Amino acid sequence: MVTNVTGFSRSGLSDFLYQRISAVVLALYALCVVGFFVVTPNVTYEQLIAYFGSTGMQLFTLLALLSLVAHAWVGMWTVGTDYIQAHYFGSRATVIRFIYQSGCVLALFVYSAWVVQIFWGLSG
């Protein structure tokens, strides 16, 4: 019997691409932030606020956040579907997987809302 387990995109290839593209975006974001600290060794609070408060950096941070959420969801979904199976948990596996995935979604939402509040609240 084949069980339909819904993922981020219902396609392993799409999930693979989401992971790779999001990893590239996160690497570019990390390089951008590290580059700022390399170019500006004695950073003041005002420079830091101006850098992260600029619209371009806020948009890049939002893109990095969305990439992180997509990357984390695909990874956590894969872990949940690989290890929370009837083989290990019996008939309760579906309920346990649902609780696990709901917790992951809730955590990703809370962390995302927190990041948006912090970064979009800098200039306000």
PDB file of N, CA and C in Angstrom:
ATOM      1  N   MET A   1       0.842  -1.181   0.000  1.00  0.00           N
ATOM      2  CA  MET A   1       0.000   0.000   0.000  1.00  0.00           C
ATOM      3  C   MET A   1       0.884   1.240   0.000  1.00  0.00           C
ATOM      4  N   VAL A   2       0.561   2.193  -0.846  1.00  0.00           N
ATOM      5  CA  VAL A   2       1.314   3.431  -0.947  1.00  0.00           C
ATOM      6  C   VAL A   2       0.598   4.495  -0.135  1.00  0.00           C
ATOM      7  N   THR A   3       1.350   5.171   0.736  1.00  0.00           N
ATOM      8  CA  THR A   3       0.787   6.234   1.558  1.00  0.00           C
ATOM      9  C   THR A   3       1.200   7.572   0.982  1.00  0.00           C
ATOM     10  N   ASN A   4       0.250   8.455   0.763  1.00  0.00           N
ATOM     11  CA  ASN A   4       0.534   9.790   0.264  1.00  0.00           C
ATOM     12  C   ASN A   4       0.943  10.673   1.437  1.00  0.00           C
ATOM     13  N   VAL A   5       2.163  11.117   1.425  1.00  0.00           N
ATOM     14  CA  VAL A   5       2.668  12.006   2.467  1.00  0.00           C
ATOM     15  C   VAL A   5       2.987  13.332   1.801  1.00  0.00           C
ATOM     16  N   THR A   6       2.264  14.347   2.174  1.00  0.00           N
ATOM     17  CA  THR A   6       2.415  15.639   1.519  1.00  0.00           C
ATOM     18  C   THR A   6       3.654  16.350   2.009  1.00  0.00           C
ATOM     19  N   GLY A   7       4.466  16.810   1.081  1.00  0.00           N
ATOM     20  CA  GLY A   7       5.668  17.559   1.405  1.00  0.00           C
ATOM     21  C   GLY A   7       5.511  19.007   1.017  1.00  0.00           C
ATOM     22  N   PHE A   8       6.616  19.693   0.907  1.00  0.00           N
ATOM     23  CA  PHE A   8       6.602  21.112   0.547  1.00  0.00           C
ATOM     24  C   PHE A   8       6.045  21.288  -0.851  1.00  0.00           C
ATOM     25  N   SER A   9       6.419  20.398  -1.756  1.00  0.00           N
ATOM     26  CA  SER A   9       5.988  20.552  -3.139  1.00  0.00           C
ATOM     27  C   SER A   9       5.468  19.268  -3.758  1.00  0.00           C
ATOM     28  N   ARG A  10       5.444  18.201  -3.003  1.00  0.00           N
ATOM     29  CA  ARG A  10       5.016  16.885  -3.468  1.00  0.00           C
ATOM     30  C   ARG A  10       5.936  16.305  -4.529  1.00  0.00           C
ATOM     31  N   SER A  11       7.134  16.863  -4.643  1.00  0.00           N
ATOM     32  CA  SER A  11       8.089  16.361  -5.620  1.00  0.00           C
ATOM     33  C   SER A  11       9.482  16.385  -5.001  1.00  0.00           C
ATOM     34  N   GLY A  12      10.160  15.250  -5.058  1.00  0.00           N
ATOM     35  CA  GLY A  12      11.506  15.181  -4.506  1.00  0.00           C
ATOM     36  C   GLY A  12      12.468  16.089  -5.238  1.00  0.00           C
ATOM     37  N   LEU A  13      12.317  16.207  -6.563  1.00  0.00           N
ATOM     38  CA  LEU A  13      13.180  17.087  -7.335  1.00  0.00           C
ATOM     39  C   LEU A  13      12.967  18.543  -6.957  1.00  0.00           C
ATOM     40  N   SER A  14      11.716  18.948  -6.797  1.00  0.00           N
ATOM     41  CA  SER A  14      11.427  20.331  -6.393  1.00  0.00           C
ATOM     42  C   SER A  14      11.996  20.625  -5.013  1.00  0.00           C
ATOM     43  N   ASP A  15      11.821  19.686  -4.087  1.00  0.00           N
ATOM     44  CA  ASP A  15      12.376  19.880  -2.746  1.00  0.00           C
ATOM     45  C   ASP A  15      13.899  19.991  -2.795  1.00  0.00           C
ATOM     46  N   PHE A  16      14.529  19.166  -3.629  1.00  0.00           N
ATOM     47  CA  PHE A  16      15.978  19.216  -3.813  1.00  0.00           C
ATOM     48  C   PHE A  16      16.394  20.606  -4.326  1.00  0.00           C
ATOM     49  N   LEU A  17      15.660  21.112  -5.313  1.00  0.00           N
ATOM     50  CA  LEU A  17      15.986  22.432  -5.864  1.00  0.00           C
ATOM     51  C   LEU A  17      15.747  23.543  -4.840  1.00  0.00           C
ATOM     52  N   TYR A  18      14.640  23.451  -4.075  1.00  0.00           N
ATOM     53  CA  TYR A  18      14.396  24.448  -3.016  1.00  0.00           C
ATOM     54  C   TYR A  18      15.557  24.474  -2.029  1.00  0.00           C
ATOM     55  N   GLN A  19      16.034  23.307  -1.656  1.00  0.00           N
ATOM     56  CA  GLN A  19      17.139  23.245  -0.702  1.00  0.00           C
ATOM     57  C   GLN A  19      18.404  23.873  -1.278  1.00  0.00           C
ATOM     58  N   ARG A  20      18.709  23.561  -2.532  1.00  0.00           N
ATOM     59  CA  ARG A  20      19.939  24.081  -3.138  1.00  0.00           C
ATOM     60  C   ARG A  20      19.857  25.581  -3.388  1.00  0.00           C
ATOM     61  N   ILE A  21      18.738  26.051  -3.898  1.00  0.00           N
ATOM     62  CA  ILE A  21      18.589  27.490  -4.169  1.00  0.00           C
ATOM     63  C   ILE A  21      18.589  28.273  -2.863  1.00  0.00           C
ATOM     64  N   SER A  22      17.876  27.765  -1.864  1.00  0.00           N
ATOM     65  CA  SER A  22      17.857  28.474  -0.580  1.00  0.00           C
ATOM     66  C   SER A  22      19.239  28.479   0.060  1.00  0.00           C
ATOM     67  N   ALA A  23      20.007  27.414  -0.116  1.00  0.00           N
ATOM     68  CA  ALA A  23      21.373  27.375   0.425  1.00  0.00           C
ATOM     69  C   ALA A  23      22.251  28.426  -0.247  1.00  0.00           C
ATOM     70  N   VAL A  24      22.092  28.623  -1.549  1.00  0.00           N
ATOM     71  CA  VAL A  24      22.861  29.645  -2.264  1.00  0.00           C
ATOM     72  C   VAL A  24      22.474  31.037  -1.771  1.00  0.00           C
ATOM     73  N   VAL A  25      21.168  31.284  -1.604  1.00  0.00           N
ATOM     74  CA  VAL A  25      20.715  32.593  -1.103  1.00  0.00           C
ATOM     75  C   VAL A  25      21.279  32.845   0.290  1.00  0.00           C
ATOM     76  N   LEU A  26      21.239  31.836   1.149  1.00  0.00           N
ATOM     77  CA  LEU A  26      21.766  32.004   2.510  1.00  0.00           C
ATOM     78  C   LEU A  26      23.277  32.225   2.508  1.00  0.00           C
ATOM     79  N   ALA A  27      23.983  31.550   1.615  1.00  0.00           N
ATOM     80  CA  ALA A  27      25.431  31.757   1.509  1.00  0.00           C
ATOM     81  C   ALA A  27      25.740  33.177   1.034  1.00  0.00           C
ATOM     82  N   LEU A  28      24.989  33.657   0.050  1.00  0.00           N
ATOM     83  CA  LEU A  28      25.193  35.029  -0.433  1.00  0.00           C
ATOM     84  C   LEU A  28      24.884  36.055   0.659  1.00  0.00           C
ATOM     85  N   TYR A  29      23.837  35.793   1.423  1.00  0.00           N
ATOM     86  CA  TYR A  29      23.491  36.696   2.526  1.00  0.00           C
ATOM     87  C   TYR A  29      24.606  36.717   3.576  1.00  0.00           C
ATOM     88  N   ALA A  30      25.115  35.546   3.910  1.00  0.00           N
ATOM     89  CA  ALA A  30      26.204  35.471   4.886  1.00  0.00           C
ATOM     90  C   ALA A  30      27.436  36.205   4.376  1.00  0.00           C
ATOM     91  N   LEU A  31      27.761  36.032   3.096  1.00  0.00           N
ATOM     92  CA  LEU A  31      28.902  36.743   2.515  1.00  0.00           C
ATOM     93  C   LEU A  31      28.686  38.251   2.541  1.00  0.00           C
ATOM     94  N   CYS A  32      27.469  38.680   2.286  1.00  0.00           N
ATOM     95  CA  CYS A  32      27.148  40.113   2.310  1.00  0.00           C
ATOM     96  C   CYS A  32      27.350  40.691   3.714  1.00  0.00           C
ATOM     97  N   VAL A  33      26.862  39.994   4.707  1.00  0.00           N
ATOM     98  CA  VAL A  33      26.988  40.482   6.087  1.00  0.00           C
ATOM     99  C   VAL A  33      28.443  40.435   6.544  1.00  0.00           C
ATOM    100  N   VAL A  34      29.131  39.334   6.268  1.00  0.00           N
ATOM    101  CA  VAL A  34      30.545  39.224   6.642  1.00  0.00           C
ATOM    102  C   VAL A  34      31.360  40.276   5.896  1.00  0.00           C
ATOM    103  N   GLY A  35      31.038  40.487   4.615  1.00  0.00           N
ATOM    104  CA  GLY A  35      31.722  41.521   3.828  1.00  0.00           C
ATOM    105  C   GLY A  35      31.574  42.900   4.442  1.00  0.00           C
ATOM    106  N   PHE A  36      30.383  43.193   4.951  1.00  0.00           N
ATOM    107  CA  PHE A  36      30.164  44.486   5.606  1.00  0.00           C
ATOM    108  C   PHE A  36      31.094  44.640   6.799  1.00  0.00           C
ATOM    109  N   PHE A  37      31.232  43.595   7.603  1.00  0.00           N
ATOM    110  CA  PHE A  37      32.095  43.684   8.782  1.00  0.00           C
ATOM    111  C   PHE A  37      33.575  43.709   8.414  1.00  0.00           C
ATOM    112  N   VAL A  38      33.937  43.115   7.295  1.00  0.00           N
ATOM    113  CA  VAL A  38      35.329  43.164   6.842  1.00  0.00           C
ATOM    114  C   VAL A  38      35.660  44.568   6.341  1.00  0.00           C
ATOM    115  N   VAL A  39      34.747  45.147   5.575  1.00  0.00           N
ATOM    116  CA  VAL A  39      34.966  46.485   5.010  1.00  0.00           C
ATOM    117  C   VAL A  39      34.875  47.560   6.093  1.00  0.00           C
ATOM    118  N   THR A  40      34.047  47.327   7.100  1.00  0.00           N
ATOM    119  CA  THR A  40      33.847  48.295   8.179  1.00  0.00           C
ATOM    120  C   THR A  40      34.264  47.645   9.496  1.00  0.00           C
ATOM    121  N   PRO A  41      35.573  47.637   9.803  1.00  0.00           N
ATOM    122  CA  PRO A  41      36.040  46.917  10.994  1.00  0.00           C
ATOM    123  C   PRO A  41      35.570  47.523  12.322  1.00  0.00           C
ATOM    124  N   ASN A  42      35.490  48.835  12.402  1.00  0.00           N
ATOM    125  CA  ASN A  42      35.055  49.497  13.637  1.00  0.00           C
ATOM    126  C   ASN A  42      33.620  49.982  13.474  1.00  0.00           C
ATOM    127  N   VAL A  43      32.691  49.058  13.530  1.00  0.00           N
ATOM    128  CA  VAL A  43      31.286  49.364  13.285  1.00  0.00           C
ATOM    129  C   VAL A  43      30.676  50.060  14.493  1.00  0.00           C
ATOM    130  N   THR A  44      30.002  51.158  14.217  1.00  0.00           N
ATOM    131  CA  THR A  44      29.257  51.840  15.274  1.00  0.00           C
ATOM    132  C   THR A  44      27.799  51.374  15.211  1.00  0.00           C
ATOM    133  N   TYR A  45      27.082  51.660  16.260  1.00  0.00           N
ATOM    134  CA  TYR A  45      25.670  51.300  16.321  1.00  0.00           C
ATOM    135  C   TYR A  45      24.897  51.980  15.188  1.00  0.00           C
ATOM    136  N   GLU A  46      25.198  53.221  14.929  1.00  0.00           N
ATOM    137  CA  GLU A  46      24.503  53.968  13.876  1.00  0.00           C
ATOM    138  C   GLU A  46      24.766  53.361  12.499  1.00  0.00           C
ATOM    139  N   GLN A  47      26.004  52.933  12.238  1.00  0.00           N
ATOM    140  CA  GLN A  47      26.325  52.302  10.954  1.00  0.00           C
ATOM    141  C   GLN A  47      25.589  50.968  10.805  1.00  0.00           C
ATOM    142  N   LEU A  48      25.533  50.226  11.875  1.00  0.00           N
ATOM    143  CA  LEU A  48      24.860  48.933  11.843  1.00  0.00           C
ATOM    144  C   LEU A  48      23.362  49.107  11.592  1.00  0.00           C
ATOM    145  N   ILE A  49      22.758  50.062  12.274  1.00  0.00           N
ATOM    146  CA  ILE A  49      21.333  50.339  12.075  1.00  0.00           C
ATOM    147  C   ILE A  49      21.087  50.840  10.657  1.00  0.00           C
ATOM    148  N   ALA A  50      21.962  51.700  10.154  1.00  0.00           N
ATOM    149  CA  ALA A  50      21.806  52.205   8.792  1.00  0.00           C
ATOM    150  C   ALA A  50      21.942  51.073   7.775  1.00  0.00           C
ATOM    151  N   TYR A  51      22.870  50.157   7.989  1.00  0.00           N
ATOM    152  CA  TYR A  51      23.101  49.042   7.072  1.00  0.00           C
ATOM    153  C   TYR A  51      21.900  48.098   7.041  1.00  0.00           C
ATOM    154  N   PHE A  52      21.498  47.621   8.202  1.00  0.00           N
ATOM    155  CA  PHE A  52      20.377  46.682   8.249  1.00  0.00           C
ATOM    156  C   PHE A  52      19.027  47.371   8.103  1.00  0.00           C
ATOM    157  N   GLY A  53      18.974  48.674   8.303  1.00  0.00           N
ATOM    158  CA  GLY A  53      17.726  49.418   8.152  1.00  0.00           C
ATOM    159  C   GLY A  53      17.460  49.887   6.742  1.00  0.00           C
ATOM    160  N   SER A  54      18.447  49.762   5.862  1.00  0.00           N
ATOM    161  CA  SER A  54      18.228  50.174   4.472  1.00  0.00           C
ATOM    162  C   SER A  54      17.232  49.226   3.810  1.00  0.00           C
ATOM    163  N   THR A  55      16.460  49.761   2.886  1.00  0.00           N
ATOM    164  CA  THR A  55      15.424  48.962   2.231  1.00  0.00           C
ATOM    165  C   THR A  55      16.011  47.762   1.503  1.00  0.00           C
ATOM    166  N   GLY A  56      17.143  47.949   0.834  1.00  0.00           N
ATOM    167  CA  GLY A  56      17.768  46.843   0.121  1.00  0.00           C
ATOM    168  C   GLY A  56      18.164  45.708   1.050  1.00  0.00           C
ATOM    169  N   MET A  57      18.747  46.057   2.184  1.00  0.00           N
ATOM    170  CA  MET A  57      19.165  45.024   3.135  1.00  0.00           C
ATOM    171  C   MET A  57      17.962  44.391   3.807  1.00  0.00           C
ATOM    172  N   GLN A  58      16.922  45.168   4.064  1.00  0.00           N
ATOM    173  CA  GLN A  58      15.715  44.588   4.641  1.00  0.00           C
ATOM    174  C   GLN A  58      15.079  43.587   3.674  1.00  0.00           C
ATOM    175  N   LEU A  59      15.049  43.920   2.388  1.00  0.00           N
ATOM    176  CA  LEU A  59      14.502  42.997   1.393  1.00  0.00           C
ATOM    177  C   LEU A  59      15.376  41.751   1.265  1.00  0.00           C
ATOM    178  N   PHE A  60      16.694  41.939   1.282  1.00  0.00           N
ATOM    179  CA  PHE A  60      17.610  40.800   1.206  1.00  0.00           C
ATOM    180  C   PHE A  60      17.460  39.917   2.447  1.00  0.00           C
ATOM    181  N   THR A  61      17.277  40.532   3.599  1.00  0.00           N
ATOM    182  CA  THR A  61      17.057  39.783   4.832  1.00  0.00           C
ATOM    183  C   THR A  61      15.752  39.010   4.756  1.00  0.00           C
ATOM    184  N   LEU A  62      14.717  39.628   4.202  1.00  0.00           N
ATOM    185  CA  LEU A  62      13.438  38.937   4.039  1.00  0.00           C
ATOM    186  C   LEU A  62      13.587  37.748   3.089  1.00  0.00           C
ATOM    187  N   LEU A  63      14.328  37.934   1.995  1.00  0.00           N
ATOM    188  CA  LEU A  63      14.591  36.839   1.065  1.00  0.00           C
ATOM    189  C   LEU A  63      15.374  35.719   1.761  1.00  0.00           C
ATOM    190  N   ALA A  64      16.360  36.101   2.558  1.00  0.00           N
ATOM    191  CA  ALA A  64      17.140  35.110   3.302  1.00  0.00           C
ATOM    192  C   ALA A  64      16.256  34.385   4.320  1.00  0.00           C
ATOM    193  N   LEU A  65      15.359  35.106   4.959  1.00  0.00           N
ATOM    194  CA  LEU A  65      14.437  34.492   5.910  1.00  0.00           C
ATOM    195  C   LEU A  65      13.525  33.487   5.213  1.00  0.00           C
ATOM    196  N   LEU A  66      12.958  33.870   4.075  1.00  0.00           N
ATOM    197  CA  LEU A  66      12.103  32.945   3.323  1.00  0.00           C
ATOM    198  C   LEU A  66      12.894  31.729   2.857  1.00  0.00           C
ATOM    199  N   SER A  67      14.136  31.949   2.471  1.00  0.00           N
ATOM    200  CA  SER A  67      14.996  30.840   2.071  1.00  0.00           C
ATOM    201  C   SER A  67      15.275  29.921   3.250  1.00  0.00           C
ATOM    202  N   LEU A  68      15.517  30.509   4.407  1.00  0.00           N
ATOM    203  CA  LEU A  68      15.766  29.713   5.602  1.00  0.00           C
ATOM    204  C   LEU A  68      14.539  28.886   5.983  1.00  0.00           C
ATOM    205  N   VAL A  69      13.358  29.495   5.893  1.00  0.00           N
ATOM    206  CA  VAL A  69      12.121  28.779   6.215  1.00  0.00           C
ATOM    207  C   VAL A  69      11.908  27.615   5.247  1.00  0.00           C
ATOM    208  N   ALA A  70      12.090  27.871   3.943  1.00  0.00           N
ATOM    209  CA  ALA A  70      11.923  26.806   2.947  1.00  0.00           C
ATOM    210  C   ALA A  70      12.946  25.693   3.185  1.00  0.00           C
ATOM    211  N   HIS A  71      14.180  26.085   3.427  1.00  0.00           N
ATOM    212  CA  HIS A  71      15.257  25.114   3.661  1.00  0.00           C
ATOM    213  C   HIS A  71      14.966  24.271   4.906  1.00  0.00           C
ATOM    214  N   ALA A  72      14.570  24.940   5.966  1.00  0.00           N
ATOM    215  CA  ALA A  72      14.282  24.239   7.224  1.00  0.00           C
ATOM    216  C   ALA A  72      13.067  23.326   7.074  1.00  0.00           C
ATOM    217  N   TRP A  73      12.026  23.808   6.393  1.00  0.00           N
ATOM    218  CA  TRP A  73      10.829  22.989   6.248  1.00  0.00           C
ATOM    219  C   TRP A  73      11.119  21.713   5.458  1.00  0.00           C
ATOM    220  N   VAL A  74      11.828  21.831   4.359  1.00  0.00           N
ATOM    221  CA  VAL A  74      12.147  20.637   3.569  1.00  0.00           C
ATOM    222  C   VAL A  74      12.978  19.671   4.409  1.00  0.00           C
ATOM    223  N   GLY A  75      13.941  20.181   5.140  1.00  0.00           N
ATOM    224  CA  GLY A  75      14.771  19.327   5.981  1.00  0.00           C
ATOM    225  C   GLY A  75      13.995  18.667   7.099  1.00  0.00           C
ATOM    226  N   MET A  76      13.179  19.436   7.799  1.00  0.00           N
ATOM    227  CA  MET A  76      12.418  18.881   8.916  1.00  0.00           C
ATOM    228  C   MET A  76      11.332  17.929   8.425  1.00  0.00           C
ATOM    229  N   TRP A  77      10.714  18.237   7.292  1.00  0.00           N
ATOM    230  CA  TRP A  77       9.714  17.339   6.711  1.00  0.00           C
ATOM    231  C   TRP A  77      10.364  16.007   6.345  1.00  0.00           C
ATOM    232  N   THR A  78      11.555  16.087   5.761  1.00  0.00           N
ATOM    233  CA  THR A  78      12.265  14.867   5.378  1.00  0.00           C
ATOM    234  C   THR A  78      12.608  14.026   6.605  1.00  0.00           C
ATOM    235  N   VAL A  79      13.099  14.665   7.643  1.00  0.00           N
ATOM    236  CA  VAL A  79      13.419  13.945   8.877  1.00  0.00           C
ATOM    237  C   VAL A  79      12.154  13.307   9.449  1.00  0.00           C
ATOM    238  N   GLY A  80      11.058  14.069   9.482  1.00  0.00           N
ATOM    239  CA  GLY A  80       9.810  13.542  10.025  1.00  0.00           C
ATOM    240  C   GLY A  80       9.273  12.358   9.256  1.00  0.00           C
ATOM    241  N   THR A  81       9.297  12.459   7.938  1.00  0.00           N
ATOM    242  CA  THR A  81       8.756  11.357   7.141  1.00  0.00           C
ATOM    243  C   THR A  81       9.711  10.168   7.088  1.00  0.00           C
ATOM    244  N   ASP A  82      10.986  10.399   7.253  1.00  0.00           N
ATOM    245  CA  ASP A  82      11.944   9.288   7.247  1.00  0.00           C
ATOM    246  C   ASP A  82      11.952   8.518   8.566  1.00  0.00           C
ATOM    247  N   TYR A  83      11.797   9.219   9.677  1.00  0.00           N
ATOM    248  CA  TYR A  83      11.985   8.581  10.969  1.00  0.00           C
ATOM    249  C   TYR A  83      10.713   8.383  11.785  1.00  0.00           C
ATOM    250  N   ILE A  84       9.641   9.055  11.441  1.00  0.00           N
ATOM    251  CA  ILE A  84       8.383   8.846  12.161  1.00  0.00           C
ATOM    252  C   ILE A  84       7.494   7.994  11.261  1.00  0.00           C
ATOM    253  N   GLN A  85       7.717   6.716  11.321  1.00  0.00           N
ATOM    254  CA  GLN A  85       7.024   5.754  10.469  1.00  0.00           C
ATOM    255  C   GLN A  85       6.328   4.707  11.332  1.00  0.00           C
ATOM    256  N   ALA A  86       5.377   4.019  10.704  1.00  0.00           N
ATOM    257  CA  ALA A  86       4.653   2.951  11.401  1.00  0.00           C
ATOM    258  C   ALA A  86       5.609   1.840  11.843  1.00  0.00           C
ATOM    259  N   HIS A  87       6.677   1.671  11.100  1.00  0.00           N
ATOM    260  CA  HIS A  87       7.672   0.656  11.457  1.00  0.00           C
ATOM    261  C   HIS A  87       8.215   0.883  12.869  1.00  0.00           C
ATOM    262  N   TYR A  88       8.382   2.157  13.231  1.00  0.00           N
ATOM    263  CA  TYR A  88       8.937   2.495  14.542  1.00  0.00           C
ATOM    264  C   TYR A  88       7.868   2.794  15.591  1.00  0.00           C
ATOM    265  N   PHE A  89       6.766   3.430  15.176  1.00  0.00           N
ATOM    266  CA  PHE A  89       5.773   3.926  16.134  1.00  0.00           C
ATOM    267  C   PHE A  89       4.416   3.237  16.044  1.00  0.00           C
ATOM    268  N   GLY A  90       4.281   2.299  15.151  1.00  0.00           N
ATOM    269  CA  GLY A  90       3.018   1.585  15.021  1.00  0.00           C
ATOM    270  C   GLY A  90       1.929   2.466  14.440  1.00  0.00           C
ATOM    271  N   SER A  91       0.705   2.213  14.871  1.00  0.00           N
ATOM    272  CA  SER A  91      -0.444   2.939  14.313  1.00  0.00           C
ATOM    273  C   SER A  91      -0.472   4.408  14.735  1.00  0.00           C
ATOM    274  N   ARG A  92       0.314   4.776  15.718  1.00  0.00           N
ATOM    275  CA  ARG A  92       0.353   6.172  16.187  1.00  0.00           C
ATOM    276  C   ARG A  92       1.273   7.053  15.340  1.00  0.00           C
ATOM    277  N   ALA A  93       1.959   6.494  14.370  1.00  0.00           N
ATOM    278  CA  ALA A  93       2.959   7.237  13.597  1.00  0.00           C
ATOM    279  C   ALA A  93       2.368   8.457  12.904  1.00  0.00           C
ATOM    280  N   THR A  94       1.200   8.323  12.319  1.00  0.00           N
ATOM    281  CA  THR A  94       0.592   9.451  11.611  1.00  0.00           C
ATOM    282  C   THR A  94       0.273  10.594  12.566  1.00  0.00           C
ATOM    283  N   VAL A  95      -0.253  10.271  13.725  1.00  0.00           N
ATOM    284  CA  VAL A  95      -0.577  11.306  14.723  1.00  0.00           C
ATOM    285  C   VAL A  95       0.708  11.965  15.231  1.00  0.00           C
ATOM    286  N   ILE A  96       1.711  11.171  15.507  1.00  0.00           N
ATOM    287  CA  ILE A  96       2.988  11.715  15.995  1.00  0.00           C
ATOM    288  C   ILE A  96       3.623  12.589  14.928  1.00  0.00           C
ATOM    289  N   ARG A  97       3.596  12.144  13.667  1.00  0.00           N
ATOM    290  CA  ARG A  97       4.159  12.937  12.564  1.00  0.00           C
ATOM    291  C   ARG A  97       3.395  14.252  12.409  1.00  0.00           C
ATOM    292  N   PHE A  98       2.071  14.203  12.540  1.00  0.00           N
ATOM    293  CA  PHE A  98       1.263  15.422  12.446  1.00  0.00           C
ATOM    294  C   PHE A  98       1.633  16.413  13.550  1.00  0.00           C
ATOM    295  N   ILE A  99       1.775  15.921  14.765  1.00  0.00           N
ATOM    296  CA  ILE A  99       2.153  16.794  15.886  1.00  0.00           C
ATOM    297  C   ILE A  99       3.545  17.375  15.645  1.00  0.00           C
ATOM    298  N   TYR A 100       4.469  16.530  15.211  1.00  0.00           N
ATOM    299  CA  TYR A 100       5.837  16.984  14.923  1.00  0.00           C
ATOM    300  C   TYR A 100       5.837  18.058  13.838  1.00  0.00           C
ATOM    301  N   GLN A 101       5.130  17.804  12.730  1.00  0.00           N
ATOM    302  CA  GLN A 101       5.118  18.777  11.634  1.00  0.00           C
ATOM    303  C   GLN A 101       4.381  20.046  12.030  1.00  0.00           C
ATOM    304  N   SER A 102       3.333  19.926  12.826  1.00  0.00           N
ATOM    305  CA  SER A 102       2.624  21.119  13.309  1.00  0.00           C
ATOM    306  C   SER A 102       3.541  21.958  14.195  1.00  0.00           C
ATOM    307  N   GLY A 103       4.320  21.294  15.043  1.00  0.00           N
ATOM    308  CA  GLY A 103       5.280  22.011  15.885  1.00  0.00           C
ATOM    309  C   GLY A 103       6.342  22.719  15.053  1.00  0.00           C
ATOM    310  N   CYS A 104       6.799  22.050  13.993  1.00  0.00           N
ATOM    311  CA  CYS A 104       7.785  22.668  13.095  1.00  0.00           C
ATOM    312  C   CYS A 104       7.208  23.905  12.416  1.00  0.00           C
ATOM    313  N   VAL A 105       5.985  23.789  11.917  1.00  0.00           N
ATOM    314  CA  VAL A 105       5.334  24.920  11.253  1.00  0.00           C
ATOM    315  C   VAL A 105       5.143  26.069  12.230  1.00  0.00           C
ATOM    316  N   LEU A 106       4.689  25.763  13.430  1.00  0.00           N
ATOM    317  CA  LEU A 106       4.481  26.803  14.442  1.00  0.00           C
ATOM    318  C   LEU A 106       5.795  27.500  14.785  1.00  0.00           C
ATOM    319  N   ALA A 107       6.857  26.723  14.990  1.00  0.00           N
ATOM    320  CA  ALA A 107       8.161  27.313  15.313  1.00  0.00           C
ATOM    321  C   ALA A 107       8.664  28.186  14.162  1.00  0.00           C
ATOM    322  N   LEU A 108       8.557  27.695  12.932  1.00  0.00           N
ATOM    323  CA  LEU A 108       9.007  28.485  11.777  1.00  0.00           C
ATOM    324  C   LEU A 108       8.199  29.774  11.649  1.00  0.00           C
ATOM    325  N   PHE A 109       6.904  29.716  11.903  1.00  0.00           N
ATOM    326  CA  PHE A 109       6.073  30.913  11.835  1.00  0.00           C
ATOM    327  C   PHE A 109       6.460  31.919  12.910  1.00  0.00           C
ATOM    328  N   VAL A 110       6.617  31.452  14.133  1.00  0.00           N
ATOM    329  CA  VAL A 110       6.968  32.352  15.244  1.00  0.00           C
ATOM    330  C   VAL A 110       8.329  32.997  15.001  1.00  0.00           C
ATOM    331  N   TYR A 111       9.315  32.204  14.598  1.00  0.00           N
ATOM    332  CA  TYR A 111      10.639  32.759  14.337  1.00  0.00           C
ATOM    333  C   TYR A 111      10.609  33.744  13.169  1.00  0.00           C
ATOM    334  N   SER A 112       9.838  33.441  12.148  1.00  0.00           N
ATOM    335  CA  SER A 112       9.735  34.328  10.993  1.00  0.00           C
ATOM    336  C   SER A 112       9.087  35.653  11.380  1.00  0.00           C
ATOM    337  N   ALA A 113       8.002  35.587  12.133  1.00  0.00           N
ATOM    338  CA  ALA A 113       7.332  36.809  12.575  1.00  0.00           C
ATOM    339  C   ALA A 113       8.268  37.650  13.438  1.00  0.00           C
ATOM    340  N   TRP A 114       9.050  36.999  14.266  1.00  0.00           N
ATOM    341  CA  TRP A 114       9.989  37.694  15.139  1.00  0.00           C
ATOM    342  C   TRP A 114      11.058  38.406  14.314  1.00  0.00           C
ATOM    343  N   VAL A 115      11.609  37.718  13.318  1.00  0.00           N
ATOM    344  CA  VAL A 115      12.636  38.328  12.468  1.00  0.00           C
ATOM    345  C   VAL A 115      12.069  39.512  11.695  1.00  0.00           C
ATOM    346  N   VAL A 116      10.877  39.356  11.142  1.00  0.00           N
ATOM    347  CA  VAL A 116      10.254  40.457  10.393  1.00  0.00           C
ATOM    348  C   VAL A 116      10.026  41.645  11.312  1.00  0.00           C
ATOM    349  N   GLN A 117       9.558  41.387  12.520  1.00  0.00           N
ATOM    350  CA  GLN A 117       9.336  42.476  13.473  1.00  0.00           C
ATOM    351  C   GLN A 117      10.651  43.191  13.796  1.00  0.00           C
ATOM    352  N   ILE A 118      11.711  42.437  13.998  1.00  0.00           N
ATOM    353  CA  ILE A 118      12.997  43.049  14.345  1.00  0.00           C
ATOM    354  C   ILE A 118      13.540  43.864  13.178  1.00  0.00           C
ATOM    355  N   PHE A 119      13.629  43.254  11.985  1.00  0.00           N
ATOM    356  CA  PHE A 119      14.272  43.942  10.874  1.00  0.00           C
ATOM    357  C   PHE A 119      13.424  45.042  10.262  1.00  0.00           C
ATOM    358  N   TRP A 120      12.131  44.865  10.160  1.00  0.00           N
ATOM    359  CA  TRP A 120      11.303  45.925   9.596  1.00  0.00           C
ATOM    360  C   TRP A 120      10.970  46.988  10.629  1.00  0.00           C
ATOM    361  N   GLY A 121      11.257  46.718  11.895  1.00  0.00           N
ATOM    362  CA  GLY A 121      11.041  47.708  12.924  1.00  0.00           C
ATOM    363  C   GLY A 121      12.246  48.621  13.146  1.00  0.00           C
ATOM    364  N   LEU A 122      13.386  48.325  12.472  1.00  0.00           N
ATOM    365  CA  LEU A 122      14.595  49.135  12.664  1.00  0.00           C
ATOM    366  C   LEU A 122      14.421  50.578  12.210  1.00  0.00           C
ATOM    367  N   SER A 123      13.762  50.768  11.076  1.00  0.00           N
ATOM    368  CA  SER A 123      13.683  52.119  10.527  1.00  0.00           C
ATOM    369  C   SER A 123      12.469  52.879  11.065  1.00  0.00           C
ATOM    370  N   GLY A 124      11.600  52.200  11.790  1.00  0.00           N
ATOM    371  CA  GLY A 124      10.349  52.819  12.248  1.00  0.00           C
ATOM    372  C   GLY A 124      10.403  53.406  13.582  1.00  0.00           C
TER     373      GLY A 124
END
